[in-house]
Structure formats: C-alpha cells, structure tokens
Amino acid sequence: LGIEIISTGGTAKLLAKESIKAVEISDYTGFPEMMDGRVKTLHPKVHGGLLHLRNNPSHVAQAKEHGISPIDLVVVNLYPFEETIAKADVTLDEAIENIDIGGPSMLRSAAKNYHDVTVVVDPADYSEVLQTMRDNDGGTTLKLRERLAIKVFVTTSQYDAAISNFLNKEKETQCGISLCLPLVARLRYGENPHQTGALYGSWGDYFEKLHGKELSYNNILDITAASQLIVEFCDSTVAILKHTNPCGVGVDPDLRAAWDKAFATDKQAPFGGIIITNRPLTESLAKAISEIFSEVIIAPDFESDALALLKKKKN
C-alpha cells in the first residue's frame, strides 16, 4: 500500500530478513539507540510526527522547520511484563527491565491524536486495519481510529495496573490497588430497571450459560453468592438461595436426598430462586427441581437427560 516503515532494532532486523524495506529508527532520528535500547523512540521526530495536528498551520510550520514528518500509523507490541512476572523464579530486576516505556509513550501520543493517526496495540486488529486501508486507498476511517485509540488507553491502563500491583506486592507497600477489567457484557439494566449495568472481568472462564434468557445484574449477584456458598462444602451438597441469602442447604451422598433436606428448610422462598450443587446434576434431581420455578440452576456438569428435562422450561 506504499507505506514507509520506520522500525526499532530487533523488528528492523526481522523485516530485513524477510526482504521488507524499513528505515531504522536511529537513521530516522539521527540519534543512536542507547542504554541497551532503553532510549530509542523518545525523540521529537517521533512524538512530533505523531502529535502535530495536520489542520493546524502553526503545528505544520513547526514540524517543517524542524524536519519532522507526519507519522500516520503506529503498531506496538508492548514488552511482555505480565508474562515475565508469571515466571516462578522472576527477579525484581528482570521484571523492571520488562517495563515498556517507549511503547506506551508512542501509543498514547498516537491515540491522543486519533483524528490523524491510526494506532494498533492488538494483533487481533491487524486484519481489520489492513482491509480498511485496502478499501480506503491506504487510509483508515475515523470510526476505526476512535475505537483503536480507546483500546490503547484500556490496554495501557491494564499494563500499568499489572506493574503497580506487582511492585506493591514485591515491595510490600500500601499505595493502593489498580483494577482494569475487560467488558464481558452490557446488561439489560442494573439492580433496578431504571439503572444501567455491565459485567466486567473473567466471567467466561468460570461459567458457561447452557439455556434460558440473558442474565440480569441480580442473577449475576445471586450466582456469585451461590458459588461462594457451595465452595464451603466438600461433600455432595445442594443449596437454594434467594436474593443472595441461603434458604436451605442439604448434604447427602444422594443428590435428590440433599435437595429434599434443602427444600424442607423453607418451601416458600425458593420460588424464583437460585439452585446450586457441587456434583453433576442428575435426572432425579432435575425432576424435583422442575416442579418449582427457578431463576438459575448451577452445576459443574449436567447429565444429558437432566439437561434435556430442564431445557423444556423456556426461562
């Protein structure tokens, strides 16, 4: 597509090996990479090329005066800090060496100027960016640039959170904790119908929805409470909850008998409640459960006949 590539050392060597023409960053800036590569992209020709506003005559004149060319596309893979600290024998020095400085700086400069610059931080976006460029004579759309810029700030905030949390733990300081979680789903509403709600985190790593309508905020709250309750028990257990409160808990090797114990505790509250067991859900238990209306049924697994029976209920 006629793109001129400027690249840092390691990547430039790889591109050269693949016969892809690239200008090394030191040749572009007129300044050598130094201090074991710690200083290479932190240069006015880089950040000026990213940050100057193309529709601002003063910015354009200053860029021309100082020999700064516009940079329209930035692609960065950050140093693998989280992968590094996941190693059992990682040292503090090794972790610190894997804190990227130039990468986040370029990403943030490009993202701030997304009206003029396309910025890519995730390889999953490469194909979409490439196709968009093919469709637009080498350019990109504002809508795509906006989305990618927001993704940059989400990614760099996650990156900084990983660094600060690691150093907090390593040095036993009390500087606070940083949380940055991916969006799982936008919910129909929050705790009440007039409120908004969204689910963040790694929900999909723990739960798989098999049937029924979309989960609500209150469903998720109840599922969380039920899960926290059931892990208190090692033996075969069935628990019934309503609005996060246990209505009954039964323990018995026979799941149906465990259900009878739990249900006998309170036969009113379970209507529209949450049922959870820490064993694969059997057909006999499914038959008992199907006699009342339940919002959510949770198990580590379901016998096929049990699942087929429960799926007859729409919700």
Protein backbone atom coordinates (compact mmCIF):
# COMPACT_ATOMS: atom_id res chain seq x y z
CA LEU A 1 0.00 0.00 0.00
CA GLY A 2 3.03 2.30 -0.27
CA ILE A 3 3.60 2.59 3.47
CA GLU A 4 7.09 3.66 4.54
CA ILE A 5 8.07 1.70 7.64
CA ILE A 6 10.18 3.09 10.47
CA SER A 7 11.30 0.38 12.87
CA THR A 8 13.28 -0.19 16.04
CA GLY A 9 16.30 -2.51 16.10
CA GLY A 10 15.02 -6.05 16.60
CA THR A 11 11.98 -5.61 14.40
CA ALA A 12 14.03 -3.86 11.70
CA LYS A 13 16.38 -6.85 11.54
CA LEU A 14 13.46 -9.27 11.23
CA LEU A 15 11.89 -7.17 8.46
CA ALA A 16 15.23 -7.03 6.61
CA LYS A 17 15.50 -10.82 6.84
CA GLU A 18 12.06 -11.04 5.19
CA SER A 19 13.16 -8.58 2.47
CA ILE A 20 10.75 -5.91 3.72
CA LYS A 21 12.21 -2.43 3.40
CA ALA A 22 12.32 -0.42 6.64
CA VAL A 23 14.12 2.65 7.94
CA GLU A 24 15.86 2.02 11.25
CA ILE A 25 14.76 4.40 14.00
CA SER A 26 18.31 5.67 14.59
CA ASP A 27 18.64 6.60 10.91
CA TYR A 28 15.30 8.41 11.08
CA THR A 29 16.03 10.40 14.24
CA GLY A 30 19.74 10.87 13.60
CA PHE A 31 20.30 9.63 17.14
CA PRO A 32 21.60 6.15 18.05
CA GLU A 33 19.67 3.67 20.16
CA MET A 34 21.43 3.74 23.52
CA MET A 35 21.47 2.40 27.07
CA ASP A 36 20.68 -1.17 26.00
CA GLY A 37 17.76 0.05 23.90
CA ARG A 38 16.13 1.95 26.76
CA VAL A 39 16.28 5.16 24.73
CA LYS A 40 15.30 4.92 21.07
CA THR A 41 11.80 6.24 20.29
CA LEU A 42 11.67 9.03 22.89
CA HIS A 43 12.55 11.71 20.35
CA PRO A 44 10.83 14.87 18.97
CA LYS A 45 10.92 13.47 15.42
CA VAL A 46 8.84 10.54 16.62
CA HIS A 47 6.44 12.24 19.01
CA GLY A 48 6.27 15.42 16.93
CA GLY A 49 5.37 13.28 13.94
CA LEU A 50 2.58 11.67 15.96
CA LEU A 51 1.21 14.63 17.90
CA HIS A 52 1.22 17.56 15.48
CA LEU A 53 -2.24 18.49 14.23
CA ARG A 54 -2.36 18.29 10.46
CA ASN A 55 -5.04 21.00 10.24
CA ASN A 56 -3.13 23.45 12.47
CA PRO A 57 -0.92 25.73 10.30
CA SER A 58 1.34 26.56 13.24
CA HIS A 59 1.93 22.87 14.02
CA VAL A 60 2.60 22.11 10.35
CA ALA A 61 5.05 25.03 10.06
CA GLN A 62 6.93 23.99 13.21
CA ALA A 63 7.14 20.39 12.00
CA LYS A 64 8.54 21.56 8.66
CA GLU A 65 11.04 23.89 10.36
CA HIS A 66 12.44 21.04 12.46
CA GLY A 67 12.36 18.37 9.77
CA ILE A 68 9.54 16.40 11.40
CA SER A 69 7.49 14.24 9.05
CA PRO A 70 3.95 13.14 9.95
CA ILE A 71 3.63 9.55 11.19
CA ASP A 72 0.18 8.22 10.33
CA LEU A 73 0.26 4.65 11.62
CA VAL A 74 1.69 3.22 14.85
CA VAL A 75 1.91 -0.50 15.62
CA VAL A 76 3.26 -1.52 19.03
CA ASN A 77 3.53 -4.81 20.89
CA LEU A 78 4.38 -3.94 24.49
CA TYR A 79 7.19 -5.66 26.40
CA PRO A 80 5.75 -8.86 27.93
CA PHE A 81 5.63 -7.65 31.54
CA GLU A 82 2.76 -9.90 32.68
CA GLU A 83 4.29 -12.97 31.04
CA THR A 84 7.61 -12.15 32.73
CA ILE A 85 6.22 -11.82 36.26
CA ALA A 86 4.23 -15.04 35.80
CA LYS A 87 7.52 -16.97 35.91
CA ALA A 88 8.07 -18.66 39.26
CA ASP A 89 11.71 -17.56 39.54
CA VAL A 90 11.38 -14.00 38.22
CA THR A 91 13.62 -11.41 39.87
CA LEU A 92 12.74 -7.80 40.57
CA ASP A 93 15.45 -6.62 38.16
CA GLU A 94 14.11 -8.87 35.37
CA ALA A 95 10.58 -7.56 35.94
CA ILE A 96 11.73 -3.93 35.86
CA GLU A 97 13.64 -4.49 32.61
CA ASN A 98 10.35 -5.63 31.05
CA ILE A 99 8.54 -2.38 31.87
CA ASP A 100 7.98 -0.78 28.48
CA ILE A 101 8.48 3.00 28.34
CA GLY A 102 8.78 3.95 24.69
CA GLY A 103 5.92 1.69 23.59
CA PRO A 104 3.21 3.17 25.85
CA SER A 105 4.54 6.67 25.11
CA MET A 106 4.10 6.21 21.36
CA LEU A 107 0.74 4.53 21.84
CA ARG A 108 -0.58 7.37 23.98
CA SER A 109 0.73 10.06 21.62
CA ALA A 110 -0.88 8.35 18.64
CA ALA A 111 -4.14 7.68 20.49
CA LYS A 112 -4.39 11.29 21.65
CA ASN A 113 -4.16 12.38 18.00
CA TYR A 114 -6.54 9.72 16.63
CA HIS A 115 -8.13 12.23 14.25
CA ASP A 116 -4.94 11.97 12.20
CA VAL A 117 -3.19 8.79 13.40
CA THR A 118 -4.15 5.11 13.35
CA VAL A 119 -2.79 3.20 16.35
CA VAL A 120 -2.75 -0.58 16.74
CA VAL A 121 -1.90 -2.32 20.02
CA ASP A 122 -3.55 -5.71 19.45
CA PRO A 123 -2.55 -8.19 16.69
CA ALA A 124 -6.22 -9.24 16.56
CA ASP A 125 -6.90 -5.89 14.86
CA TYR A 126 -4.24 -6.24 12.13
CA SER A 127 -6.53 -7.81 9.53
CA GLU A 128 -9.30 -5.23 10.01
CA VAL A 129 -6.84 -2.34 9.75
CA LEU A 130 -5.28 -3.84 6.63
CA GLN A 131 -8.64 -4.42 4.97
CA THR A 132 -9.79 -0.89 5.85
CA MET A 133 -6.61 0.51 4.29
CA ARG A 134 -7.20 -1.55 1.15
CA ASP A 135 -10.75 -0.20 0.95
CA ASN A 136 -9.69 3.43 1.51
CA ASP A 137 -6.61 3.91 -0.72
CA GLY A 138 -4.21 3.32 2.16
CA GLY A 139 -6.16 5.36 4.70
CA THR A 140 -8.46 4.41 7.59
CA THR A 141 -11.85 5.59 8.84
CA LEU A 142 -12.38 7.92 11.79
CA LYS A 143 -14.68 5.35 13.41
CA LEU A 144 -11.94 2.71 13.34
CA ARG A 145 -9.30 5.16 14.61
CA GLU A 146 -11.57 6.16 17.52
CA ARG A 147 -12.13 2.53 18.56
CA LEU A 148 -8.44 1.67 18.32
CA ALA A 149 -7.47 4.76 20.32
CA ILE A 150 -9.83 3.83 23.15
CA LYS A 151 -8.42 0.30 23.08
CA VAL A 152 -4.95 1.79 23.58
CA PHE A 153 -5.94 3.58 26.77
CA VAL A 154 -7.67 0.45 28.10
CA THR A 155 -4.57 -1.63 27.28
CA THR A 156 -2.04 0.79 28.76
CA SER A 157 -4.13 1.16 31.92
CA GLN A 158 -4.16 -2.65 32.28
CA TYR A 159 -0.42 -2.68 31.69
CA ASP A 160 0.22 0.00 34.32
CA ALA A 161 -2.10 -1.80 36.76
CA ALA A 162 -0.07 -5.01 36.37
CA ILE A 163 3.15 -3.10 37.05
CA SER A 164 1.87 -1.18 40.07
CA ASN A 165 0.22 -4.25 41.62
CA PHE A 166 3.40 -6.33 41.18
CA LEU A 167 5.63 -3.65 42.69
CA ASN A 168 3.15 -3.04 45.54
CA LYS A 169 3.33 -6.72 46.40
CA GLU A 170 7.07 -7.05 45.82
CA LYS A 171 7.98 -4.06 48.00
CA GLU A 172 5.10 -4.57 50.47
CA THR A 173 3.88 -1.00 50.09
CA GLN A 174 0.37 0.33 50.67
CA CYS A 175 -0.02 2.59 47.64
CA GLY A 176 -3.41 1.14 46.68
CA ILE A 177 -4.50 -1.40 44.10
CA SER A 178 -5.29 -0.86 40.42
CA LEU A 179 -8.14 -2.67 38.70
CA CYS A 180 -8.74 -2.72 34.96
CA LEU A 181 -11.13 -5.42 33.76
CA PRO A 182 -12.41 -6.28 30.28
CA LEU A 183 -16.09 -5.74 29.48
CA VAL A 184 -17.94 -9.08 29.34
CA ALA A 185 -21.45 -7.82 28.60
CA ARG A 186 -23.76 -4.84 28.83
CA LEU A 187 -26.74 -5.89 30.93
CA ARG A 188 -30.38 -5.13 30.26
CA TYR A 189 -30.40 -2.94 33.37
CA GLY A 190 -28.80 -2.68 36.80
CA GLU A 191 -30.16 -3.62 40.22
CA ASN A 192 -33.39 -1.78 39.33
CA PRO A 193 -34.94 -1.23 35.88
CA HIS A 194 -34.09 2.49 35.78
CA GLN A 195 -30.36 1.80 36.32
CA THR A 196 -27.73 0.74 33.80
CA GLY A 197 -25.50 -2.27 34.39
CA ALA A 198 -22.47 -4.00 32.90
CA LEU A 199 -20.38 -7.07 33.70
CA TYR A 200 -16.58 -6.90 33.74
CA GLY A 201 -13.87 -9.46 34.44
CA SER A 202 -13.27 -13.10 33.53
CA TRP A 203 -16.82 -14.45 33.96
CA GLY A 204 -16.49 -16.70 30.93
CA ASP A 205 -13.55 -18.53 32.50
CA TYR A 206 -15.85 -19.87 35.22
CA PHE A 207 -19.38 -20.04 33.85
CA GLU A 208 -20.97 -21.34 30.67
CA LYS A 209 -24.62 -20.48 30.02
CA LEU A 210 -26.47 -23.52 28.63
CA HIS A 211 -30.06 -22.32 28.30
CA GLY A 212 -32.53 -19.58 29.15
CA LYS A 213 -32.76 -15.81 28.83
CA GLU A 214 -29.89 -13.39 29.20
CA LEU A 215 -28.60 -12.94 32.73
CA SER A 216 -29.55 -9.84 34.70
CA TYR A 217 -27.49 -7.91 37.22
CA ASN A 218 -29.38 -9.60 40.08
CA ASN A 219 -28.88 -13.03 38.50
CA ILE A 220 -25.14 -12.42 38.44
CA LEU A 221 -25.16 -11.22 42.04
CA ASP A 222 -27.06 -14.36 43.10
CA ILE A 223 -24.79 -16.66 41.06
CA THR A 224 -21.76 -15.12 42.74
CA ALA A 225 -23.25 -15.64 46.21
CA ALA A 226 -24.27 -19.21 45.38
CA SER A 227 -20.80 -20.05 44.10
CA GLN A 228 -19.16 -18.61 47.21
CA LEU A 229 -21.51 -20.69 49.37
CA ILE A 230 -21.07 -24.02 47.59
CA VAL A 231 -17.26 -23.99 47.81
CA GLU A 232 -17.63 -24.16 51.59
CA PHE A 233 -18.70 -27.82 51.17
CA CYS A 234 -16.69 -30.86 50.09
CA ASP A 235 -19.43 -33.48 50.40
CA SER A 236 -22.32 -33.84 47.93
CA THR A 237 -24.40 -30.68 48.52
CA VAL A 238 -27.42 -28.83 47.16
CA ALA A 239 -28.11 -25.21 48.12
CA ILE A 240 -31.05 -22.90 47.44
CA LEU A 241 -30.64 -19.11 47.58
CA LYS A 242 -32.93 -16.12 47.11
CA HIS A 243 -31.59 -12.56 46.82
CA THR A 244 -28.11 -13.85 47.84
CA ASN A 245 -29.47 -15.38 51.08
CA PRO A 246 -29.36 -19.15 51.67
CA CYS A 247 -32.88 -20.58 52.09
CA GLY A 248 -31.66 -24.11 52.64
CA VAL A 249 -28.59 -26.29 52.29
CA GLY A 250 -28.68 -30.08 52.20
CA VAL A 251 -25.75 -32.52 52.35
CA ASP A 252 -26.22 -36.16 51.31
CA PRO A 253 -24.45 -38.64 49.01
CA ASP A 254 -27.77 -38.88 47.12
CA LEU A 255 -28.36 -35.53 45.41
CA ARG A 256 -32.13 -35.99 45.47
CA ALA A 257 -31.98 -36.55 49.24
CA ALA A 258 -29.74 -33.47 49.58
CA TRP A 259 -32.39 -31.49 47.67
CA ASP A 260 -35.16 -32.75 49.95
CA LYS A 261 -33.21 -31.55 53.00
CA ALA A 262 -32.53 -28.14 51.47
CA PHE A 263 -36.10 -27.65 50.24
CA ALA A 264 -37.63 -28.74 53.57
CA THR A 265 -35.94 -25.79 55.28
CA ASP A 266 -38.17 -23.26 53.51
CA LYS A 267 -40.71 -24.22 50.83
CA GLN A 268 -41.80 -20.64 50.04
CA ALA A 269 -38.58 -18.71 49.45
CA PRO A 270 -37.12 -20.98 46.70
CA PHE A 271 -39.73 -19.78 44.17
CA GLY A 272 -37.72 -17.77 41.62
CA GLY A 273 -34.51 -18.60 43.45
CA ILE A 274 -31.06 -19.97 42.62
CA ILE A 275 -30.22 -23.66 42.93
CA ILE A 276 -26.62 -24.87 43.01
CA THR A 277 -24.91 -28.21 43.52
CA ASN A 278 -21.27 -29.24 43.65
CA ARG A 279 -21.89 -32.54 41.82
CA PRO A 280 -23.08 -33.31 38.27
CA LEU A 281 -26.83 -32.70 38.28
CA THR A 282 -28.81 -35.96 37.96
CA GLU A 283 -32.12 -36.63 36.24
CA SER A 284 -33.85 -37.38 39.56
CA LEU A 285 -32.74 -34.02 40.95
CA ALA A 286 -33.83 -32.31 37.71
CA LYS A 287 -37.32 -33.79 38.10
CA ALA A 288 -37.59 -32.43 41.64
CA ILE A 289 -36.29 -29.01 40.63
CA SER A 290 -38.64 -28.77 37.64
CA GLU A 291 -41.65 -28.84 39.98
CA ILE A 292 -40.94 -25.22 41.02
CA PHE A 293 -39.86 -22.11 39.11
CA SER A 294 -36.16 -21.28 39.48
CA GLU A 295 -34.23 -18.36 38.01
CA VAL A 296 -30.86 -20.11 37.71
CA ILE A 297 -29.59 -23.67 38.16
CA ILE A 298 -25.83 -24.16 38.53
CA ALA A 299 -23.78 -27.35 38.49
CA PRO A 300 -20.28 -28.46 37.49
CA ASP A 301 -21.98 -30.69 34.89
CA PHE A 302 -25.42 -31.99 33.86
CA GLU A 303 -26.47 -35.49 32.92
CA SER A 304 -27.86 -35.36 29.36
CA ASP A 305 -31.37 -36.46 30.43
CA ALA A 306 -31.36 -33.90 33.23
CA LEU A 307 -30.36 -31.10 30.89
CA ALA A 308 -32.98 -32.11 28.32
CA LEU A 309 -35.65 -32.05 31.02
CA LEU A 310 -34.63 -28.66 32.36
CA LYS A 311 -34.41 -27.15 28.87
CA LYS A 312 -38.13 -27.73 28.40
CA LYS A 313 -38.62 -24.62 30.53
CA LYS A 314 -38.11 -21.52 28.40
CA ASN A 315 -36.57 -19.39 31.14
